[in-house]
Amino acid sequence: MSDTPDTPFTVAVPLPDEAATAALARRLGALLRPGDLVALRGDLGAGKTALARALIRSVTHEEAEVPSPTFTLVQSYDTAIGPIWHADLYRLSGPDEVYELGWDDARAEAVALVEWPDRLGPLLPADRIELTLSHDGPDARRASLTGHGTLAARVAAADWILE
């Protein structure tokens, strides 16, 4: 890792099963603070919503109802780490539409978990965590976490070895 705080830092984490995905989500949830953004990337079915659901449950309670924001576009939660704004931007046609969802408030005071972050275009902040999920077998996934800007140091300092 470079001493420059703006140098991105990337770590790959194997996720052999759903329990490993939940463990990764718990580690990530412990790292986040209001104002942080996690850009969730991956093909349909890669596990973006499952990871977000596990993260939200880790900072609320294990039985929390966490519906997918596919149709509502945004779900918000009051959690132990502050508000969480979980958005699925797949159906947006452009970045300007995100303002109608409460983007300014979310960025100012919440942790934002954003599926399909490419829809943000120039609104995607420089300080963010990119979490890309890819298939690594029938039930297995691989996560690639990259901290950008001020979040690079937090990602670099965290323990990502799942046991």
C-alpha atoms as a PDB file:
ATOM      1  CA  MET A   1       0.000   0.000   0.000  1.00  0.00           C
ATOM      2  CA  SER A   2       1.199   3.491  -0.812  1.00  0.00           C
ATOM      3  CA  ASP A   3       1.496   6.258   1.765  1.00  0.00           C
ATOM      4  CA  THR A   4      -0.701   8.441  -0.426  1.00  0.00           C
ATOM      5  CA  PRO A   5      -4.249   8.423   1.014  1.00  0.00           C
ATOM      6  CA  ASP A   6      -5.817   8.769  -2.427  1.00  0.00           C
ATOM      7  CA  THR A   7      -4.167   5.615  -3.786  1.00  0.00           C
ATOM      8  CA  PRO A   8      -6.897   2.960  -4.159  1.00  0.00           C
ATOM      9  CA  PHE A   9      -6.413  -0.199  -2.126  1.00  0.00           C
ATOM     10  CA  THR A  10      -7.930  -3.505  -3.293  1.00  0.00           C
ATOM     11  CA  VAL A  11      -8.385  -6.816  -1.517  1.00  0.00           C
ATOM     12  CA  ALA A  12      -9.972 -10.014  -2.874  1.00  0.00           C
ATOM     13  CA  VAL A  13     -12.072 -12.141  -0.530  1.00  0.00           C
ATOM     14  CA  PRO A  14     -13.259 -15.659  -1.445  1.00  0.00           C
ATOM     15  CA  LEU A  15     -16.864 -16.346  -0.432  1.00  0.00           C
ATOM     16  CA  PRO A  16     -17.413 -20.108  -0.571  1.00  0.00           C
ATOM     17  CA  ASP A  17     -20.987 -19.879   0.758  1.00  0.00           C
ATOM     18  CA  GLU A  18     -23.712 -17.590   2.064  1.00  0.00           C
ATOM     19  CA  ALA A  19     -22.243 -17.684   5.587  1.00  0.00           C
ATOM     20  CA  ALA A  20     -18.987 -16.212   4.261  1.00  0.00           C
ATOM     21  CA  THR A  21     -20.937 -13.483   2.470  1.00  0.00           C
ATOM     22  CA  ALA A  22     -22.685 -12.637   5.750  1.00  0.00           C
ATOM     23  CA  ALA A  23     -19.319 -12.595   7.570  1.00  0.00           C
ATOM     24  CA  LEU A  24     -17.916 -10.182   4.980  1.00  0.00           C
ATOM     25  CA  ALA A  25     -21.019  -8.003   5.362  1.00  0.00           C
ATOM     26  CA  ARG A  26     -20.529  -7.868   9.150  1.00  0.00           C
ATOM     27  CA  ARG A  27     -16.885  -6.817   8.744  1.00  0.00           C
ATOM     28  CA  LEU A  28     -17.848  -4.160   6.241  1.00  0.00           C
ATOM     29  CA  GLY A  29     -20.694  -2.898   8.438  1.00  0.00           C
ATOM     30  CA  ALA A  30     -18.288  -2.426  11.348  1.00  0.00           C
ATOM     31  CA  LEU A  31     -16.074  -0.284   9.119  1.00  0.00           C
ATOM     32  CA  LEU A  32     -18.716   2.137   7.820  1.00  0.00           C
ATOM     33  CA  ARG A  33     -19.716   5.588   9.069  1.00  0.00           C
ATOM     34  CA  PRO A  34     -22.383   8.092   8.016  1.00  0.00           C
ATOM     35  CA  GLY A  35     -21.359   9.768   4.770  1.00  0.00           C
ATOM     36  CA  ASP A  36     -19.694   6.600   3.401  1.00  0.00           C
ATOM     37  CA  LEU A  37     -20.794   5.071   0.114  1.00  0.00           C
ATOM     38  CA  VAL A  38     -20.455   1.430  -0.915  1.00  0.00           C
ATOM     39  CA  ALA A  39     -20.858   0.892  -4.649  1.00  0.00           C
ATOM     40  CA  LEU A  40     -22.177  -2.664  -5.068  1.00  0.00           C
ATOM     41  CA  ARG A  41     -21.292  -4.135  -8.440  1.00  0.00           C
ATOM     42  CA  GLY A  42     -21.859  -7.509 -10.066  1.00  0.00           C
ATOM     43  CA  ASP A  43     -24.047  -9.313 -12.549  1.00  0.00           C
ATOM     44  CA  LEU A  44     -27.677 -10.121 -11.824  1.00  0.00           C
ATOM     45  CA  GLY A  45     -27.709 -12.866  -9.206  1.00  0.00           C
ATOM     46  CA  ALA A  46     -24.156 -12.193  -8.012  1.00  0.00           C
ATOM     47  CA  GLY A  47     -25.362 -11.479  -4.471  1.00  0.00           C
ATOM     48  CA  LYS A  48     -25.423  -7.677  -4.166  1.00  0.00           C
ATOM     49  CA  THR A  49     -28.779  -7.583  -2.389  1.00  0.00           C
ATOM     50  CA  ALA A  50     -27.898 -10.583  -0.197  1.00  0.00           C
ATOM     51  CA  LEU A  51     -24.721  -8.846   0.939  1.00  0.00           C
ATOM     52  CA  ALA A  52     -26.568  -5.565   1.599  1.00  0.00           C
ATOM     53  CA  ARG A  53     -29.273  -7.435   3.517  1.00  0.00           C
ATOM     54  CA  ALA A  54     -26.663  -9.194   5.695  1.00  0.00           C
ATOM     55  CA  LEU A  55     -24.868  -5.899   6.329  1.00  0.00           C
ATOM     56  CA  ILE A  56     -28.082  -4.143   7.370  1.00  0.00           C
ATOM     57  CA  ARG A  57     -29.041  -7.024   9.651  1.00  0.00           C
ATOM     58  CA  SER A  58     -25.577  -6.927  11.240  1.00  0.00           C
ATOM     59  CA  VAL A  59     -26.146  -3.321  12.384  1.00  0.00           C
ATOM     60  CA  THR A  60     -29.850  -3.697  13.291  1.00  0.00           C
ATOM     61  CA  HIS A  61     -30.935  -7.205  14.317  1.00  0.00           C
ATOM     62  CA  GLU A  62     -30.631 -10.599  12.667  1.00  0.00           C
ATOM     63  CA  GLU A  63     -34.378 -10.913  12.043  1.00  0.00           C
ATOM     64  CA  ALA A  64     -34.838  -7.423  10.564  1.00  0.00           C
ATOM     65  CA  GLU A  65     -37.086  -7.243   7.533  1.00  0.00           C
ATOM     66  CA  VAL A  66     -34.856  -6.071   4.693  1.00  0.00           C
ATOM     67  CA  PRO A  67     -36.728  -6.088   1.392  1.00  0.00           C
ATOM     68  CA  SER A  68     -34.959  -5.581  -1.899  1.00  0.00           C
ATOM     69  CA  PRO A  69     -35.190  -2.003  -3.168  1.00  0.00           C
ATOM     70  CA  THR A  70     -35.682  -3.223  -6.743  1.00  0.00           C
ATOM     71  CA  PHE A  71     -39.177  -1.745  -7.064  1.00  0.00           C
ATOM     72  CA  THR A  72     -39.113   0.961  -4.380  1.00  0.00           C
ATOM     73  CA  LEU A  73     -35.638   2.070  -5.579  1.00  0.00           C
ATOM     74  CA  VAL A  74     -34.632   3.011  -1.998  1.00  0.00           C
ATOM     75  CA  GLN A  75     -35.094   1.495   1.440  1.00  0.00           C
ATOM     76  CA  SER A  76     -33.812   3.342   4.505  1.00  0.00           C
ATOM     77  CA  TYR A  77     -32.984   1.984   7.949  1.00  0.00           C
ATOM     78  CA  ASP A  78     -32.105   3.388  11.358  1.00  0.00           C
ATOM     79  CA  THR A  79     -29.131   1.359  12.564  1.00  0.00           C
ATOM     80  CA  ALA A  80     -26.396   1.215  15.183  1.00  0.00           C
ATOM     81  CA  ILE A  81     -24.021   2.997  12.753  1.00  0.00           C
ATOM     82  CA  GLY A  82     -26.554   5.672  11.791  1.00  0.00           C
ATOM     83  CA  PRO A  83     -29.019   5.755   8.916  1.00  0.00           C
ATOM     84  CA  ILE A  84     -28.468   3.380   6.003  1.00  0.00           C
ATOM     85  CA  TRP A  85     -29.805   4.203   2.556  1.00  0.00           C
ATOM     86  CA  HIS A  86     -29.990   1.046   0.371  1.00  0.00           C
ATOM     87  CA  ALA A  87     -30.658   1.895  -3.265  1.00  0.00           C
ATOM     88  CA  ASP A  88     -31.089  -0.138  -6.423  1.00  0.00           C
ATOM     89  CA  LEU A  89     -30.599   2.295  -9.294  1.00  0.00           C
ATOM     90  CA  TYR A  90     -31.058  -0.230 -12.108  1.00  0.00           C
ATOM     91  CA  ARG A  91     -34.302   1.373 -13.330  1.00  0.00           C
ATOM     92  CA  LEU A  92     -33.005   4.950 -13.367  1.00  0.00           C
ATOM     93  CA  SER A  93     -32.391   6.425 -16.802  1.00  0.00           C
ATOM     94  CA  GLY A  94     -29.894   9.050 -15.667  1.00  0.00           C
ATOM     95  CA  PRO A  95     -28.039  10.543 -12.719  1.00  0.00           C
ATOM     96  CA  ASP A  96     -30.433  13.477 -12.273  1.00  0.00           C
ATOM     97  CA  GLU A  97     -33.239  11.105 -11.236  1.00  0.00           C
ATOM     98  CA  VAL A  98     -31.359  10.161  -8.065  1.00  0.00           C
ATOM     99  CA  TYR A  99     -32.079  13.606  -6.571  1.00  0.00           C
ATOM    100  CA  GLU A 100     -35.788  12.734  -6.471  1.00  0.00           C
ATOM    101  CA  LEU A 101     -34.902   9.800  -4.206  1.00  0.00           C
ATOM    102  CA  GLY A 102     -33.299  11.972  -1.524  1.00  0.00           C
ATOM    103  CA  TRP A 103     -29.697  11.716  -2.693  1.00  0.00           C
ATOM    104  CA  ASP A 104     -28.498  14.920  -1.006  1.00  0.00           C
ATOM    105  CA  ASP A 105     -29.820  13.895   2.417  1.00  0.00           C
ATOM    106  CA  ALA A 106     -28.468  10.372   2.033  1.00  0.00           C
ATOM    107  CA  ARG A 107     -24.989  11.595   1.157  1.00  0.00           C
ATOM    108  CA  ALA A 108     -24.953  14.064   4.039  1.00  0.00           C
ATOM    109  CA  GLU A 109     -26.085  11.831   6.886  1.00  0.00           C
ATOM    110  CA  ALA A 110     -26.351   8.158   5.904  1.00  0.00           C
ATOM    111  CA  VAL A 111     -24.273   5.216   4.842  1.00  0.00           C
ATOM    112  CA  ALA A 112     -25.265   4.613   1.221  1.00  0.00           C
ATOM    113  CA  LEU A 113     -25.311   1.078  -0.207  1.00  0.00           C
ATOM    114  CA  VAL A 114     -25.817   1.544  -3.939  1.00  0.00           C
ATOM    115  CA  GLU A 115     -26.558  -1.255  -6.378  1.00  0.00           C
ATOM    116  CA  TRP A 116     -25.924  -0.332 -10.027  1.00  0.00           C
ATOM    117  CA  PRO A 117     -23.748   2.679  -9.088  1.00  0.00           C
ATOM    118  CA  ASP A 118     -22.933   3.396 -12.751  1.00  0.00           C
ATOM    119  CA  ARG A 119     -26.346   5.089 -12.897  1.00  0.00           C
ATOM    120  CA  LEU A 120     -24.883   7.831 -10.683  1.00  0.00           C
ATOM    121  CA  GLY A 121     -22.526   8.956 -13.436  1.00  0.00           C
ATOM    122  CA  PRO A 122     -20.639  12.049 -12.228  1.00  0.00           C
ATOM    123  CA  LEU A 123     -22.439  11.914  -8.857  1.00  0.00           C
ATOM    124  CA  LEU A 124     -20.425   8.844  -7.808  1.00  0.00           C
ATOM    125  CA  PRO A 125     -18.167  10.235  -5.062  1.00  0.00           C
ATOM    126  CA  ALA A 126     -14.388   9.905  -5.213  1.00  0.00           C
ATOM    127  CA  ASP A 127     -14.365   8.679  -1.607  1.00  0.00           C
ATOM    128  CA  ARG A 128     -16.086   5.296  -1.741  1.00  0.00           C
ATOM    129  CA  ILE A 129     -15.748   1.546  -1.431  1.00  0.00           C
ATOM    130  CA  GLU A 130     -16.288  -0.440  -4.611  1.00  0.00           C
ATOM    131  CA  LEU A 131     -17.442  -3.967  -3.805  1.00  0.00           C
ATOM    132  CA  THR A 132     -17.658  -6.219  -6.843  1.00  0.00           C
ATOM    133  CA  LEU A 133     -19.166  -9.691  -6.527  1.00  0.00           C
ATOM    134  CA  SER A 134     -18.515 -12.359  -9.127  1.00  0.00           C
ATOM    135  CA  HIS A 135     -19.456 -16.024  -9.451  1.00  0.00           C
ATOM    136  CA  ASP A 136     -16.711 -18.416  -8.397  1.00  0.00           C
ATOM    137  CA  GLY A 137     -18.623 -21.702  -8.654  1.00  0.00           C
ATOM    138  CA  PRO A 138     -22.248 -22.833  -8.322  1.00  0.00           C
ATOM    139  CA  ASP A 139     -22.729 -21.370  -4.821  1.00  0.00           C
ATOM    140  CA  ALA A 140     -19.418 -19.570  -4.338  1.00  0.00           C
ATOM    141  CA  ARG A 141     -18.644 -15.938  -4.984  1.00  0.00           C
ATOM    142  CA  ARG A 142     -15.556 -13.768  -4.948  1.00  0.00           C
ATOM    143  CA  ALA A 143     -15.622 -10.243  -3.582  1.00  0.00           C
ATOM    144  CA  SER A 144     -13.227  -7.544  -4.638  1.00  0.00           C
ATOM    145  CA  LEU A 145     -13.196  -4.542  -2.295  1.00  0.00           C
ATOM    146  CA  THR A 146     -11.476  -1.344  -3.366  1.00  0.00           C
ATOM    147  CA  GLY A 147     -11.225   1.656  -1.114  1.00  0.00           C
ATOM    148  CA  HIS A 148     -10.996   4.926  -3.022  1.00  0.00           C
ATOM    149  CA  GLY A 149      -9.935   8.298  -1.657  1.00  0.00           C
ATOM    150  CA  THR A 150     -10.224   8.617   2.097  1.00  0.00           C
ATOM    151  CA  LEU A 151     -11.730   5.114   2.381  1.00  0.00           C
ATOM    152  CA  ALA A 152      -8.587   3.433   0.989  1.00  0.00           C
ATOM    153  CA  ALA A 153      -6.855   3.535   4.380  1.00  0.00           C
ATOM    154  CA  ARG A 154      -9.862   2.032   6.197  1.00  0.00           C
ATOM    155  CA  VAL A 155     -10.121  -0.822   3.689  1.00  0.00           C
ATOM    156  CA  ALA A 156      -6.353  -1.424   3.930  1.00  0.00           C
ATOM    157  CA  ALA A 157      -6.391  -1.486   7.742  1.00  0.00           C
ATOM    158  CA  ALA A 158      -9.303  -3.938   8.070  1.00  0.00           C
ATOM    159  CA  ASP A 159      -8.937  -7.691   8.559  1.00  0.00           C
ATOM    160  CA  TRP A 160     -10.669  -9.357   5.620  1.00  0.00           C
ATOM    161  CA  ILE A 161      -9.671 -12.950   6.439  1.00  0.00           C
ATOM    162  CA  LEU A 162     -12.941 -14.769   7.072  1.00  0.00           C
ATOM    163  CA  GLU A 163     -12.817 -17.810   9.321  1.00  0.00           C
END
